[in-house]
Structures are given as C-alpha cells and as structure tokens.
C-alpha cells in the first residue's frame, strides 16, 4: 500500500482523482444524512419544537414542521462537518506513520 497522497500517485489521472473525491464526498453526505435522521428521530421523540421555541430567550414564532426542518438541517450540517473532517484526516498522507519503527 502506497503512503503517498493520491494526487501525487502516478497511477491515477485527474479524472480518476476527481471521481474518487466525489465518491468519497457522496459517502460523507449520505452517511451524515442518515445519522442526522436518526438524531432528529431521537431528539424530537423527547422534545417538541414549539415547546423549545417557548423556552428561547427571544421571541420566535415557529411552527412544528418548521422546527423539525430547522432541527434536521442543524443536525445534518454538524454531522456533515464532523464526517468531512474525519474523511480529510483519514486521507492524509501516511508517510510519517509508515516510517516509524519501534526502537528498544
């Protein structure tokens, strides 16, 4: 397994690199969507959006469906950011890790 970044790997052309990137991005988007749906289901099983609007410190006139939509987008955004950062960290070059040896 090569430890160099995929962009520097001579086996891949630009088209293949873009396809790999978009495929990974699609996986991150889909996984974050599913997790956001589960988070919304669990969160809104306990809390009603209209009750949460009454607890806010400023006046919010929001319906139940708008509360669900805003909450889903909120959960999806943060799970997307977390998943994307995870994907970036996993795709970083592993040069330093591969060269480490145990010295005793």
C-alpha atoms as a PDB file:
ATOM      1  CA  UNK A   1       0.000   0.000   0.000  1.00  0.00           C
ATOM      2  CA  UNK A   2       1.424   3.328  -1.042  1.00  0.00           C
ATOM      3  CA  UNK A   3       1.836   6.011   1.586  1.00  0.00           C
ATOM      4  CA  UNK A   4       1.899   8.955  -0.813  1.00  0.00           C
ATOM      5  CA  UNK A   5      -1.121  11.206  -1.387  1.00  0.00           C
ATOM      6  CA  UNK A   6      -3.462  10.080  -4.147  1.00  0.00           C
ATOM      7  CA  UNK A   7      -2.807  13.314  -6.065  1.00  0.00           C
ATOM      8  CA  UNK A   8       0.923  12.510  -6.351  1.00  0.00           C
ATOM      9  CA  UNK A   9       0.313   8.879  -7.281  1.00  0.00           C
ATOM     10  CA  UNK A  10       1.217   8.432 -10.972  1.00  0.00           C
ATOM     11  CA  UNK A  11      -1.248   5.537 -11.371  1.00  0.00           C
ATOM     12  CA  UNK A  12      -4.239   7.935 -11.310  1.00  0.00           C
ATOM     13  CA  UNK A  13      -5.082  10.634 -13.845  1.00  0.00           C
ATOM     14  CA  UNK A  14      -7.017  13.808 -12.977  1.00  0.00           C
ATOM     15  CA  UNK A  15     -10.364  12.325 -13.988  1.00  0.00           C
ATOM     16  CA  UNK A  16      -9.892   9.334 -11.697  1.00  0.00           C
ATOM     17  CA  UNK A  17      -8.806  11.567  -8.818  1.00  0.00           C
ATOM     18  CA  UNK A  18     -11.956  13.686  -9.222  1.00  0.00           C
ATOM     19  CA  UNK A  19     -14.131  10.559  -9.325  1.00  0.00           C
ATOM     20  CA  UNK A  20     -12.502   9.269  -6.134  1.00  0.00           C
ATOM     21  CA  UNK A  21     -13.029  12.632  -4.426  1.00  0.00           C
ATOM     22  CA  UNK A  22     -16.683  12.907  -5.478  1.00  0.00           C
ATOM     23  CA  UNK A  23     -17.347   9.323  -4.461  1.00  0.00           C
ATOM     24  CA  UNK A  24     -15.880   9.957  -1.011  1.00  0.00           C
ATOM     25  CA  UNK A  25     -17.858  13.199  -0.760  1.00  0.00           C
ATOM     26  CA  UNK A  26     -21.052  11.332  -1.667  1.00  0.00           C
ATOM     27  CA  UNK A  27     -20.344   8.755   1.019  1.00  0.00           C
ATOM     28  CA  UNK A  28     -19.822  11.511   3.590  1.00  0.00           C
ATOM     29  CA  UNK A  29     -23.038  13.303   2.565  1.00  0.00           C
ATOM     30  CA  UNK A  30     -25.103  10.105   2.636  1.00  0.00           C
ATOM     31  CA  UNK A  31     -23.706   8.936   5.987  1.00  0.00           C
ATOM     32  CA  UNK A  32     -24.269  12.344   7.581  1.00  0.00           C
ATOM     33  CA  UNK A  33     -27.839  12.402   6.211  1.00  0.00           C
ATOM     34  CA  UNK A  34     -28.647   9.032   7.781  1.00  0.00           C
ATOM     35  CA  UNK A  35     -27.110   9.969  11.132  1.00  0.00           C
ATOM     36  CA  UNK A  36     -28.971  13.321  11.122  1.00  0.00           C
ATOM     37  CA  UNK A  37     -32.238  11.474  10.510  1.00  0.00           C
ATOM     38  CA  UNK A  38     -31.557   9.186  13.484  1.00  0.00           C
ATOM     39  CA  UNK A  39     -30.552  12.163  15.649  1.00  0.00           C
ATOM     40  CA  UNK A  40     -33.749  14.029  14.731  1.00  0.00           C
ATOM     41  CA  UNK A  41     -35.878  10.994  15.473  1.00  0.00           C
ATOM     42  CA  UNK A  42     -34.349  10.578  18.907  1.00  0.00           C
ATOM     43  CA  UNK A  43     -34.273  14.294  19.747  1.00  0.00           C
ATOM     44  CA  UNK A  44     -37.826  15.054  18.655  1.00  0.00           C
ATOM     45  CA  UNK A  45     -39.163  11.953  20.361  1.00  0.00           C
ATOM     46  CA  UNK A  46     -38.260  13.746  23.600  1.00  0.00           C
ATOM     47  CA  UNK A  47     -38.757  17.428  22.705  1.00  0.00           C
ATOM     48  CA  UNK A  48     -41.453  19.298  20.780  1.00  0.00           C
ATOM     49  CA  UNK A  49     -40.166  22.154  18.563  1.00  0.00           C
ATOM     50  CA  UNK A  50     -42.939  24.501  19.702  1.00  0.00           C
ATOM     51  CA  UNK A  51     -42.029  23.929  23.350  1.00  0.00           C
ATOM     52  CA  UNK A  52     -38.390  24.649  22.539  1.00  0.00           C
ATOM     53  CA  UNK A  53     -39.446  27.911  20.841  1.00  0.00           C
ATOM     54  CA  UNK A  54     -41.208  28.960  24.059  1.00  0.00           C
ATOM     55  CA  UNK A  55     -38.008  28.364  26.032  1.00  0.00           C
ATOM     56  CA  UNK A  56     -35.885  30.625  23.815  1.00  0.00           C
ATOM     57  CA  UNK A  57     -34.728  33.990  25.142  1.00  0.00           C
ATOM     58  CA  UNK A  58     -36.052  35.848  22.075  1.00  0.00           C
ATOM     59  CA  UNK A  59     -39.495  35.782  20.504  1.00  0.00           C
ATOM     60  CA  UNK A  60     -39.709  33.015  17.900  1.00  0.00           C
ATOM     61  CA  UNK A  61     -42.913  32.253  16.040  1.00  0.00           C
ATOM     62  CA  UNK A  62     -42.158  28.862  14.536  1.00  0.00           C
ATOM     63  CA  UNK A  63     -44.497  26.047  13.627  1.00  0.00           C
ATOM     64  CA  UNK A  64     -43.949  22.404  14.333  1.00  0.00           C
ATOM     65  CA  UNK A  65     -42.914  21.475  10.781  1.00  0.00           C
ATOM     66  CA  UNK A  66     -40.522  24.427  10.523  1.00  0.00           C
ATOM     67  CA  UNK A  67     -38.975  23.362  13.813  1.00  0.00           C
ATOM     68  CA  UNK A  68     -38.432  19.841  12.508  1.00  0.00           C
ATOM     69  CA  UNK A  69     -36.889  21.187   9.285  1.00  0.00           C
ATOM     70  CA  UNK A  70     -34.554  23.619  11.053  1.00  0.00           C
ATOM     71  CA  UNK A  71     -33.515  20.927  13.512  1.00  0.00           C
ATOM     72  CA  UNK A  72     -32.817  18.426  10.739  1.00  0.00           C
ATOM     73  CA  UNK A  73     -30.695  20.924   8.803  1.00  0.00           C
ATOM     74  CA  UNK A  74     -28.844  21.785  12.031  1.00  0.00           C
ATOM     75  CA  UNK A  75     -28.118  18.127  12.773  1.00  0.00           C
ATOM     76  CA  UNK A  76     -27.203  17.389   9.138  1.00  0.00           C
ATOM     77  CA  UNK A  77     -24.784  20.325   8.944  1.00  0.00           C
ATOM     78  CA  UNK A  78     -22.874  19.350  12.076  1.00  0.00           C
ATOM     79  CA  UNK A  79     -22.725  15.658  11.238  1.00  0.00           C
ATOM     80  CA  UNK A  80     -21.556  16.563   7.719  1.00  0.00           C
ATOM     81  CA  UNK A  81     -18.765  18.752   9.095  1.00  0.00           C
ATOM     82  CA  UNK A  82     -17.677  16.039  11.519  1.00  0.00           C
ATOM     83  CA  UNK A  83     -17.766  13.339   8.823  1.00  0.00           C
ATOM     84  CA  UNK A  84     -15.932  15.523   6.299  1.00  0.00           C
ATOM     85  CA  UNK A  85     -13.169  16.337   8.771  1.00  0.00           C
ATOM     86  CA  UNK A  86     -12.879  12.641   9.577  1.00  0.00           C
ATOM     87  CA  UNK A  87     -12.559  11.880   5.875  1.00  0.00           C
ATOM     88  CA  UNK A  88      -9.857  14.517   5.454  1.00  0.00           C
ATOM     89  CA  UNK A  89      -7.891  13.144   8.382  1.00  0.00           C
ATOM     90  CA  UNK A  90      -8.158   9.608   7.028  1.00  0.00           C
ATOM     91  CA  UNK A  91      -6.977  10.699   3.565  1.00  0.00           C
ATOM     92  CA  UNK A  92      -3.855  12.491   4.790  1.00  0.00           C
ATOM     93  CA  UNK A  93      -0.537  11.004   3.685  1.00  0.00           C
ATOM     94  CA  UNK A  94       0.760   8.335   5.973  1.00  0.00           C
ATOM     95  CA  UNK A  95       4.469   8.930   5.301  1.00  0.00           C
ATOM     96  CA  UNK A  96       5.432   9.586   8.890  1.00  0.00           C
ATOM     97  CA  UNK A  97       3.337   6.746  10.244  1.00  0.00           C
ATOM     98  CA  UNK A  98       4.742   4.259   7.739  1.00  0.00           C
ATOM     99  CA  UNK A  99       8.345   5.199   8.511  1.00  0.00           C
ATOM    100  CA  UNK A 100       8.029   4.775  12.249  1.00  0.00           C
ATOM    101  CA  UNK A 101       9.886   1.855  13.701  1.00  0.00           C
ATOM    102  CA  UNK A 102       9.947   0.534  17.215  1.00  0.00           C
ATOM    103  CA  UNK A 103      13.348   1.035  18.757  1.00  0.00           C
ATOM    104  CA  UNK A 104      14.098  -0.664  22.015  1.00  0.00           C
END
